[in-house]
Amino acid sequence: MPRRQRSREFEHYRKTLQCPNGHRHALTFIEGTGDLVENLGMRDRLMLENPLSRFEDRLASIELVGRLRQFNHDRSGGLSIQRFRFDSMFACDTCGDQWPVFVQRELKIIDYQKTGLSQTSIGLEKRRLDWTQSSADSTCTLEFKHEWMKRVEVGFESLTSREETRSAGMKGSYGLLAINAGIQQRITESLKLTHSVTSQTRKTSRQEVEYVFPAGKVTVIKTYWKQIWQEYECRVRLPDRDKIVSIPYRVAFDVTFDQEVEHI
């Protein structure tokens, strides 16, 4: 079996003991849940906490070696690695990013389709207008505006899968834990790219409403803002034995509101 190729980011760590952004002493190894990588090269094996685990019963000084390695980690800021898996990653607490240890197989969004619209509550705005000193009813137009962010939310907790074979496909469930954080992040980023969503995609919605304010009254306007979502379902081919999963997700694309008007 050919050996797994290290990612460019992990190769950078091996040479510098730093994350790709240059940080040290804030790195964490994320083992993952994929298959174990058994056929390690010597340089990769020597990065493990116990590189000679099959001979540990014969090594009288294994405890001392472990203490020396931990001391070296503390001083150098190196990762503590028990074992490598296909989906292992490492993260940096300073910059908040994470990277794969090995080059990841291709992940592909096959297609997506709209499944409906939905709304969620995003806030309450209250205005109080005092017309108690007025002797006649008044007509006035008020502007309501709300700033919001276009974003994508993915329902990884609601997955179905289809494993393709040469003869026929077999449907089944695909547990959340089977899709690790790294794969989830890659799916989310791909969907953001598909719908042109970035962390800076902020929008402001405005709407004007005309009201009649009765004389001698205090008018209270309660505005209930709601986010409008376009619901989708996409099919994604995972980098794992040709599995295809169907994943629901939604994209925030506008806001609306309901109002209650009370004259007291």
C-alpha atoms as a PDB file:
ATOM      1  CA  MET A   1       0.000   0.000   0.000  1.00  0.00           C
ATOM      2  CA  PRO A   2       1.465   3.423  -0.943  1.00  0.00           C
ATOM      3  CA  ARG A   3       2.266   5.744   1.931  1.00  0.00           C
ATOM      4  CA  ARG A   4       0.046   8.714   2.650  1.00  0.00           C
ATOM      5  CA  GLN A   5       1.463  12.001   1.419  1.00  0.00           C
ATOM      6  CA  ARG A   6       1.938  14.692   4.055  1.00  0.00           C
ATOM      7  CA  SER A   7       0.101  17.958   3.493  1.00  0.00           C
ATOM      8  CA  ARG A   8       2.064  21.105   2.754  1.00  0.00           C
ATOM      9  CA  GLU A   9       0.947  22.570   6.092  1.00  0.00           C
ATOM     10  CA  PHE A  10       2.124  19.574   8.109  1.00  0.00           C
ATOM     11  CA  GLU A  11       5.394  19.509   6.203  1.00  0.00           C
ATOM     12  CA  HIS A  12       5.865  23.129   7.283  1.00  0.00           C
ATOM     13  CA  TYR A  13       5.214  22.117  10.894  1.00  0.00           C
ATOM     14  CA  ARG A  14       7.753  19.259  10.673  1.00  0.00           C
ATOM     15  CA  LYS A  15      10.466  21.685   9.582  1.00  0.00           C
ATOM     16  CA  THR A  16       9.650  24.617  11.880  1.00  0.00           C
ATOM     17  CA  LEU A  17       7.429  23.319  14.734  1.00  0.00           C
ATOM     18  CA  GLN A  18       5.116  26.193  13.820  1.00  0.00           C
ATOM     19  CA  CYS A  19       1.665  26.439  12.300  1.00  0.00           C
ATOM     20  CA  PRO A  20       1.482  27.794   8.718  1.00  0.00           C
ATOM     21  CA  ASN A  21       0.893  31.251  10.190  1.00  0.00           C
ATOM     22  CA  GLY A  22       4.065  31.140  12.281  1.00  0.00           C
ATOM     23  CA  HIS A  23       2.663  30.379  15.758  1.00  0.00           C
ATOM     24  CA  ARG A  24       4.221  27.980  18.253  1.00  0.00           C
ATOM     25  CA  HIS A  25       3.335  26.666  21.744  1.00  0.00           C
ATOM     26  CA  ALA A  26      -0.392  26.791  20.909  1.00  0.00           C
ATOM     27  CA  LEU A  27      -0.718  23.725  18.673  1.00  0.00           C
ATOM     28  CA  THR A  28      -3.006  20.749  19.217  1.00  0.00           C
ATOM     29  CA  PHE A  29      -3.081  17.407  17.429  1.00  0.00           C
ATOM     30  CA  ILE A  30      -6.552  16.128  16.440  1.00  0.00           C
ATOM     31  CA  GLU A  31      -6.336  12.385  15.911  1.00  0.00           C
ATOM     32  CA  GLY A  32      -9.608  11.979  13.980  1.00  0.00           C
ATOM     33  CA  THR A  33     -11.791   8.909  13.529  1.00  0.00           C
ATOM     34  CA  GLY A  34     -10.585   7.495  10.209  1.00  0.00           C
ATOM     35  CA  ASP A  35      -8.521   4.401   9.516  1.00  0.00           C
ATOM     36  CA  LEU A  36      -5.121   4.124  11.179  1.00  0.00           C
ATOM     37  CA  VAL A  37      -2.094   4.927   9.046  1.00  0.00           C
ATOM     38  CA  GLU A  38       0.129   1.899   9.580  1.00  0.00           C
ATOM     39  CA  ASN A  39       2.807   2.123   6.910  1.00  0.00           C
ATOM     40  CA  LEU A  40       4.608   5.169   8.272  1.00  0.00           C
ATOM     41  CA  GLY A  41       8.032   6.226   7.122  1.00  0.00           C
ATOM     42  CA  MET A  42      10.747   6.364   9.756  1.00  0.00           C
ATOM     43  CA  ARG A  43      10.650  10.146  10.075  1.00  0.00           C
ATOM     44  CA  ASP A  44       6.905  10.089  10.681  1.00  0.00           C
ATOM     45  CA  ARG A  45       7.150   7.158  13.100  1.00  0.00           C
ATOM     46  CA  LEU A  46       9.718   9.011  15.173  1.00  0.00           C
ATOM     47  CA  MET A  47       7.157  11.797  15.702  1.00  0.00           C
ATOM     48  CA  LEU A  48       4.921   9.426  17.690  1.00  0.00           C
ATOM     49  CA  GLU A  49       4.944   9.364  21.470  1.00  0.00           C
ATOM     50  CA  ASN A  50       5.908   5.694  21.308  1.00  0.00           C
ATOM     51  CA  PRO A  51       7.543   5.080  17.929  1.00  0.00           C
ATOM     52  CA  LEU A  52       8.486   1.476  18.902  1.00  0.00           C
ATOM     53  CA  SER A  53       5.211   0.424  20.506  1.00  0.00           C
ATOM     54  CA  ARG A  54       5.522  -3.186  19.347  1.00  0.00           C
ATOM     55  CA  PHE A  55       8.718  -3.505  21.393  1.00  0.00           C
ATOM     56  CA  GLU A  56       7.658  -1.516  24.434  1.00  0.00           C
ATOM     57  CA  ASP A  57       7.648  -4.572  26.700  1.00  0.00           C
ATOM     58  CA  ARG A  58      11.340  -5.001  26.032  1.00  0.00           C
ATOM     59  CA  LEU A  59      12.285  -1.385  26.703  1.00  0.00           C
ATOM     60  CA  ALA A  60      13.058  -0.983  30.390  1.00  0.00           C
ATOM     61  CA  SER A  61      13.540   2.755  29.996  1.00  0.00           C
ATOM     62  CA  ILE A  62      10.290   3.472  28.148  1.00  0.00           C
ATOM     63  CA  GLU A  63       8.925   5.585  31.030  1.00  0.00           C
ATOM     64  CA  LEU A  64      12.087   7.687  31.122  1.00  0.00           C
ATOM     65  CA  VAL A  65      11.945   8.117  27.356  1.00  0.00           C
ATOM     66  CA  GLY A  66       8.359   9.308  27.665  1.00  0.00           C
ATOM     67  CA  ARG A  67       9.307  11.908  30.264  1.00  0.00           C
ATOM     68  CA  LEU A  68      12.155  13.159  28.094  1.00  0.00           C
ATOM     69  CA  ARG A  69       9.856  13.457  25.076  1.00  0.00           C
ATOM     70  CA  GLN A  70       7.255  15.409  27.098  1.00  0.00           C
ATOM     71  CA  PHE A  71       9.984  17.735  28.355  1.00  0.00           C
ATOM     72  CA  ASN A  72      11.031  18.309  24.756  1.00  0.00           C
ATOM     73  CA  HIS A  73       7.417  19.031  23.723  1.00  0.00           C
ATOM     74  CA  ASP A  74       7.049  21.600  26.499  1.00  0.00           C
ATOM     75  CA  ARG A  75      10.218  23.390  25.476  1.00  0.00           C
ATOM     76  CA  SER A  76       9.840  23.243  21.709  1.00  0.00           C
ATOM     77  CA  GLY A  77       6.054  23.528  21.428  1.00  0.00           C
ATOM     78  CA  GLY A  78       5.833  20.299  19.433  1.00  0.00           C
ATOM     79  CA  LEU A  79       2.697  18.202  18.979  1.00  0.00           C
ATOM     80  CA  SER A  80       2.003  15.180  21.139  1.00  0.00           C
ATOM     81  CA  ILE A  81       0.975  12.432  18.694  1.00  0.00           C
ATOM     82  CA  GLN A  82      -0.141   8.958  19.759  1.00  0.00           C
ATOM     83  CA  ARG A  83      -1.081   7.683  16.283  1.00  0.00           C
ATOM     84  CA  PHE A  84      -1.873   8.948  12.807  1.00  0.00           C
ATOM     85  CA  ARG A  85      -5.194   8.426  11.045  1.00  0.00           C
ATOM     86  CA  PHE A  86      -6.218   9.257   7.490  1.00  0.00           C
ATOM     87  CA  ASP A  87      -8.220  12.267   8.709  1.00  0.00           C
ATOM     88  CA  SER A  88      -5.842  13.504  11.431  1.00  0.00           C
ATOM     89  CA  MET A  89      -5.490  17.264  11.712  1.00  0.00           C
ATOM     90  CA  PHE A  90      -3.617  19.827  13.784  1.00  0.00           C
ATOM     91  CA  ALA A  91      -4.944  23.135  15.060  1.00  0.00           C
ATOM     92  CA  CYS A  92      -3.581  26.434  16.347  1.00  0.00           C
ATOM     93  CA  ASP A  93      -5.295  28.115  19.294  1.00  0.00           C
ATOM     94  CA  THR A  94      -3.677  31.454  18.457  1.00  0.00           C
ATOM     95  CA  CYS A  95      -5.092  31.899  14.954  1.00  0.00           C
ATOM     96  CA  GLY A  96      -8.040  29.501  15.326  1.00  0.00           C
ATOM     97  CA  ASP A  97      -7.278  27.552  12.135  1.00  0.00           C
ATOM     98  CA  GLN A  98      -6.750  23.845  11.560  1.00  0.00           C
ATOM     99  CA  TRP A  99      -5.062  21.853   8.803  1.00  0.00           C
ATOM    100  CA  PRO A 100      -4.933  18.228   7.631  1.00  0.00           C
ATOM    101  CA  VAL A 101      -1.875  16.115   8.368  1.00  0.00           C
ATOM    102  CA  PHE A 102      -2.120  14.252   5.069  1.00  0.00           C
ATOM    103  CA  VAL A 103      -3.205  15.339   1.613  1.00  0.00           C
ATOM    104  CA  GLN A 104      -6.969  14.844   1.519  1.00  0.00           C
ATOM    105  CA  ARG A 105      -8.726  12.974  -1.235  1.00  0.00           C
ATOM    106  CA  GLU A 106     -11.130  14.866  -3.443  1.00  0.00           C
ATOM    107  CA  LEU A 107     -14.440  15.934  -1.967  1.00  0.00           C
ATOM    108  CA  LYS A 108     -17.067  16.925  -4.517  1.00  0.00           C
ATOM    109  CA  ILE A 109     -20.469  18.569  -4.297  1.00  0.00           C
ATOM    110  CA  ILE A 110     -22.366  16.720  -7.025  1.00  0.00           C
ATOM    111  CA  ASP A 111     -25.509  18.858  -7.120  1.00  0.00           C
ATOM    112  CA  TYR A 112     -28.007  20.748  -4.974  1.00  0.00           C
ATOM    113  CA  GLN A 113     -31.684  21.671  -5.142  1.00  0.00           C
ATOM    114  CA  LYS A 114     -34.058  24.039  -3.388  1.00  0.00           C
ATOM    115  CA  THR A 115     -36.460  22.451  -0.936  1.00  0.00           C
ATOM    116  CA  GLY A 116     -38.431  25.444   0.378  1.00  0.00           C
ATOM    117  CA  LEU A 117     -38.355  28.603   2.466  1.00  0.00           C
ATOM    118  CA  SER A 118     -38.264  29.057   6.231  1.00  0.00           C
ATOM    119  CA  GLN A 119     -38.075  31.858   8.770  1.00  0.00           C
ATOM    120  CA  THR A 120     -36.384  32.267  12.141  1.00  0.00           C
ATOM    121  CA  SER A 121     -36.741  35.018  14.720  1.00  0.00           C
ATOM    122  CA  ILE A 122     -33.722  37.341  14.965  1.00  0.00           C
ATOM    123  CA  GLY A 123     -34.824  40.134  17.284  1.00  0.00           C
ATOM    124  CA  LEU A 124     -37.416  42.545  18.652  1.00  0.00           C
ATOM    125  CA  GLU A 125     -37.353  46.304  18.130  1.00  0.00           C
ATOM    126  CA  LYS A 126     -39.692  48.580  20.112  1.00  0.00           C
ATOM    127  CA  ARG A 127     -40.526  52.213  19.345  1.00  0.00           C
ATOM    128  CA  ARG A 128     -42.602  54.506  21.567  1.00  0.00           C
ATOM    129  CA  LEU A 129     -44.049  57.671  20.031  1.00  0.00           C
ATOM    130  CA  ASP A 130     -45.740  60.252  22.252  1.00  0.00           C
ATOM    131  CA  TRP A 131     -48.617  62.180  20.654  1.00  0.00           C
ATOM    132  CA  THR A 132     -50.340  63.161  23.910  1.00  0.00           C
ATOM    133  CA  GLN A 133     -49.708  66.861  23.243  1.00  0.00           C
ATOM    134  CA  SER A 134     -51.222  66.718  19.760  1.00  0.00           C
ATOM    135  CA  SER A 135     -54.804  67.871  19.158  1.00  0.00           C
ATOM    136  CA  ALA A 136     -55.221  66.176  15.770  1.00  0.00           C
ATOM    137  CA  ASP A 137     -54.411  62.825  14.249  1.00  0.00           C
ATOM    138  CA  SER A 138     -51.150  62.710  12.309  1.00  0.00           C
ATOM    139  CA  THR A 139     -49.905  60.622   9.406  1.00  0.00           C
ATOM    140  CA  CYS A 140     -46.234  59.774   9.408  1.00  0.00           C
ATOM    141  CA  THR A 141     -43.901  57.433   7.527  1.00  0.00           C
ATOM    142  CA  LEU A 142     -41.238  55.602   9.497  1.00  0.00           C
ATOM    143  CA  GLU A 143     -38.227  53.717   8.187  1.00  0.00           C
ATOM    144  CA  PHE A 144     -37.220  50.373   9.656  1.00  0.00           C
ATOM    145  CA  LYS A 145     -33.835  48.870   8.925  1.00  0.00           C
ATOM    146  CA  HIS A 146     -31.932  45.829  10.076  1.00  0.00           C
ATOM    147  CA  GLU A 147     -28.349  44.768   9.418  1.00  0.00           C
ATOM    148  CA  TRP A 148     -27.789  41.059   8.858  1.00  0.00           C
ATOM    149  CA  MET A 149     -25.203  38.698   7.434  1.00  0.00           C
ATOM    150  CA  LYS A 150     -25.636  36.353   4.498  1.00  0.00           C
ATOM    151  CA  ARG A 151     -24.488  32.955   5.721  1.00  0.00           C
ATOM    152  CA  VAL A 152     -24.717  29.225   5.230  1.00  0.00           C
ATOM    153  CA  GLU A 153     -25.839  26.758   7.907  1.00  0.00           C
ATOM    154  CA  VAL A 154     -25.328  23.045   7.254  1.00  0.00           C
ATOM    155  CA  GLY A 155     -27.420  20.315   8.927  1.00  0.00           C
ATOM    156  CA  PHE A 156     -24.736  17.697   9.485  1.00  0.00           C
ATOM    157  CA  GLU A 157     -26.927  16.105  12.154  1.00  0.00           C
ATOM    158  CA  SER A 158     -29.470  15.064   9.481  1.00  0.00           C
ATOM    159  CA  LEU A 159     -27.590  12.945   6.980  1.00  0.00           C
ATOM    160  CA  THR A 160     -28.498  10.097   4.681  1.00  0.00           C
ATOM    161  CA  SER A 161     -25.976   8.195   2.605  1.00  0.00           C
ATOM    162  CA  ARG A 162     -25.778   6.193  -0.566  1.00  0.00           C
ATOM    163  CA  GLU A 163     -22.822   3.875  -1.104  1.00  0.00           C
ATOM    164  CA  GLU A 164     -22.287   3.258  -4.764  1.00  0.00           C
ATOM    165  CA  THR A 165     -21.300  -0.174  -6.031  1.00  0.00           C
ATOM    166  CA  ARG A 166     -20.920  -1.557  -9.543  1.00  0.00           C
ATOM    167  CA  SER A 167     -24.304  -3.206  -9.410  1.00  0.00           C
ATOM    168  CA  ALA A 168     -26.563  -0.917  -7.397  1.00  0.00           C
ATOM    169  CA  GLY A 169     -26.620   1.738  -4.732  1.00  0.00           C
ATOM    170  CA  MET A 170     -27.459   0.978  -1.125  1.00  0.00           C
ATOM    171  CA  LYS A 171     -29.058   3.636   1.039  1.00  0.00           C
ATOM    172  CA  GLY A 172     -28.467   3.989   4.748  1.00  0.00           C
ATOM    173  CA  SER A 173     -27.681   6.357   7.563  1.00  0.00           C
ATOM    174  CA  TYR A 174     -24.326   8.057   7.914  1.00  0.00           C
ATOM    175  CA  GLY A 175     -23.581   9.113  11.463  1.00  0.00           C
ATOM    176  CA  LEU A 176     -22.375  12.590  12.367  1.00  0.00           C
ATOM    177  CA  LEU A 177     -19.219  11.197  13.942  1.00  0.00           C
ATOM    178  CA  ALA A 178     -18.361   9.490  10.651  1.00  0.00           C
ATOM    179  CA  ILE A 179     -17.843  12.920   9.081  1.00  0.00           C
ATOM    180  CA  ASN A 180     -15.060  14.516  11.076  1.00  0.00           C
ATOM    181  CA  ALA A 181     -14.620  18.221  11.707  1.00  0.00           C
ATOM    182  CA  GLY A 182     -12.166  18.605   8.846  1.00  0.00           C
ATOM    183  CA  ILE A 183     -14.559  17.123   6.272  1.00  0.00           C
ATOM    184  CA  GLN A 184     -17.441  19.181   7.672  1.00  0.00           C
ATOM    185  CA  GLN A 185     -15.366  22.320   7.302  1.00  0.00           C
ATOM    186  CA  ARG A 186     -14.469  21.463   3.694  1.00  0.00           C
ATOM    187  CA  ILE A 187     -18.144  20.852   2.845  1.00  0.00           C
ATOM    188  CA  THR A 188     -19.185  24.132   4.470  1.00  0.00           C
ATOM    189  CA  GLU A 189     -16.483  26.116   2.663  1.00  0.00           C
ATOM    190  CA  SER A 190     -17.470  24.534  -0.667  1.00  0.00           C
ATOM    191  CA  LEU A 191     -21.113  25.518  -0.134  1.00  0.00           C
ATOM    192  CA  LYS A 192     -20.088  29.063   0.793  1.00  0.00           C
ATOM    193  CA  LEU A 193     -18.151  29.277  -2.460  1.00  0.00           C
ATOM    194  CA  THR A 194     -21.125  27.892  -4.403  1.00  0.00           C
ATOM    195  CA  HIS A 195     -23.417  30.612  -3.031  1.00  0.00           C
ATOM    196  CA  SER A 196     -20.830  33.431  -3.011  1.00  0.00           C
ATOM    197  CA  VAL A 197     -20.861  33.761   0.772  1.00  0.00           C
ATOM    198  CA  THR A 198     -17.917  35.200   2.706  1.00  0.00           C
ATOM    199  CA  SER A 199     -17.432  36.325   6.293  1.00  0.00           C
ATOM    200  CA  GLN A 200     -17.767  39.921   5.038  1.00  0.00           C
ATOM    201  CA  THR A 201     -21.126  39.444   3.264  1.00  0.00           C
ATOM    202  CA  ARG A 202     -23.161  41.895   5.354  1.00  0.00           C
ATOM    203  CA  LYS A 203     -26.389  43.475   4.181  1.00  0.00           C
ATOM    204  CA  THR A 204     -28.849  46.097   5.398  1.00  0.00           C
ATOM    205  CA  SER A 205     -32.573  45.795   4.660  1.00  0.00           C
ATOM    206  CA  ARG A 206     -34.815  48.881   4.768  1.00  0.00           C
ATOM    207  CA  GLN A 207     -38.569  49.310   4.556  1.00  0.00           C
ATOM    208  CA  GLU A 208     -40.858  52.295   5.050  1.00  0.00           C
ATOM    209  CA  VAL A 209     -44.299  52.018   6.662  1.00  0.00           C
ATOM    210  CA  GLU A 210     -46.976  54.700   6.905  1.00  0.00           C
ATOM    211  CA  TYR A 211     -48.942  55.078  10.156  1.00  0.00           C
ATOM    212  CA  VAL A 212     -51.809  57.192  11.461  1.00  0.00           C
ATOM    213  CA  PHE A 213     -51.085  58.362  14.993  1.00  0.00           C
ATOM    214  CA  PRO A 214     -54.213  59.323  16.986  1.00  0.00           C
ATOM    215  CA  ALA A 215     -54.121  62.570  18.935  1.00  0.00           C
ATOM    216  CA  GLY A 216     -53.659  62.348  22.687  1.00  0.00           C
ATOM    217  CA  LYS A 217     -52.214  58.837  22.565  1.00  0.00           C
ATOM    218  CA  VAL A 218     -48.861  57.123  23.000  1.00  0.00           C
ATOM    219  CA  THR A 219     -48.205  54.706  20.145  1.00  0.00           C
ATOM    220  CA  VAL A 220     -46.032  51.662  20.774  1.00  0.00           C
ATOM    221  CA  ILE A 221     -44.715  49.789  17.715  1.00  0.00           C
ATOM    222  CA  LYS A 222     -43.203  46.365  18.250  1.00  0.00           C
ATOM    223  CA  THR A 223     -41.238  45.028  15.282  1.00  0.00           C
ATOM    224  CA  TYR A 224     -40.426  41.327  15.203  1.00  0.00           C
ATOM    225  CA  TRP A 225     -37.562  40.785  12.774  1.00  0.00           C
ATOM    226  CA  LYS A 226     -37.270  37.440  11.006  1.00  0.00           C
ATOM    227  CA  GLN A 227     -34.517  35.888   8.916  1.00  0.00           C
ATOM    228  CA  ILE A 228     -35.657  34.359   5.617  1.00  0.00           C
ATOM    229  CA  TRP A 229     -33.803  31.193   4.619  1.00  0.00           C
ATOM    230  CA  GLN A 230     -33.668  29.374   1.335  1.00  0.00           C
ATOM    231  CA  GLU A 231     -33.590  25.681   2.192  1.00  0.00           C
ATOM    232  CA  TYR A 232     -31.513  23.278   0.093  1.00  0.00           C
ATOM    233  CA  GLU A 233     -30.378  19.695  -0.067  1.00  0.00           C
ATOM    234  CA  CYS A 234     -27.075  18.772  -1.667  1.00  0.00           C
ATOM    235  CA  ARG A 235     -25.385  15.517  -2.588  1.00  0.00           C
ATOM    236  CA  VAL A 236     -21.716  15.259  -1.658  1.00  0.00           C
ATOM    237  CA  ARG A 237     -19.224  12.594  -2.643  1.00  0.00           C
ATOM    238  CA  LEU A 238     -17.001  11.989   0.388  1.00  0.00           C
ATOM    239  CA  PRO A 239     -13.307  11.095   0.107  1.00  0.00           C
ATOM    240  CA  ASP A 240     -14.139   7.720   1.652  1.00  0.00           C
ATOM    241  CA  ARG A 241     -14.957   4.606  -0.412  1.00  0.00           C
ATOM    242  CA  ASP A 242     -17.171   6.517  -2.875  1.00  0.00           C
ATOM    243  CA  LYS A 243     -19.856   7.314  -0.314  1.00  0.00           C
ATOM    244  CA  ILE A 244     -22.437   9.899  -1.330  1.00  0.00           C
ATOM    245  CA  VAL A 245     -24.310  11.748   1.413  1.00  0.00           C
ATOM    246  CA  SER A 246     -27.379  13.953   1.164  1.00  0.00           C
ATOM    247  CA  ILE A 247     -27.022  16.973   3.410  1.00  0.00           C
ATOM    248  CA  PRO A 248     -29.678  19.613   4.150  1.00  0.00           C
ATOM    249  CA  TYR A 249     -28.485  23.191   4.450  1.00  0.00           C
ATOM    250  CA  ARG A 250     -29.864  26.701   4.235  1.00  0.00           C
ATOM    251  CA  VAL A 251     -28.726  30.112   3.046  1.00  0.00           C
ATOM    252  CA  ALA A 252     -29.865  33.372   4.651  1.00  0.00           C
ATOM    253  CA  PHE A 253     -30.902  35.686   1.814  1.00  0.00           C
ATOM    254  CA  ASP A 254     -33.270  38.335   3.227  1.00  0.00           C
ATOM    255  CA  VAL A 255     -35.137  39.580   6.323  1.00  0.00           C
ATOM    256  CA  THR A 256     -38.751  40.500   6.975  1.00  0.00           C
ATOM    257  CA  PHE A 257     -40.807  41.561   9.986  1.00  0.00           C
ATOM    258  CA  ASP A 258     -44.202  41.432  11.660  1.00  0.00           C
ATOM    259  CA  GLN A 259     -45.518  44.317  13.726  1.00  0.00           C
ATOM    260  CA  GLU A 260     -47.850  44.999  16.603  1.00  0.00           C
ATOM    261  CA  VAL A 261     -49.144  48.557  16.998  1.00  0.00           C
ATOM    262  CA  GLU A 262     -50.795  49.669  20.231  1.00  0.00           C
ATOM    263  CA  HIS A 263     -52.257  53.109  21.075  1.00  0.00           C
ATOM    264  CA  ILE A 264     -52.399  53.766  24.805  1.00  0.00           C
END
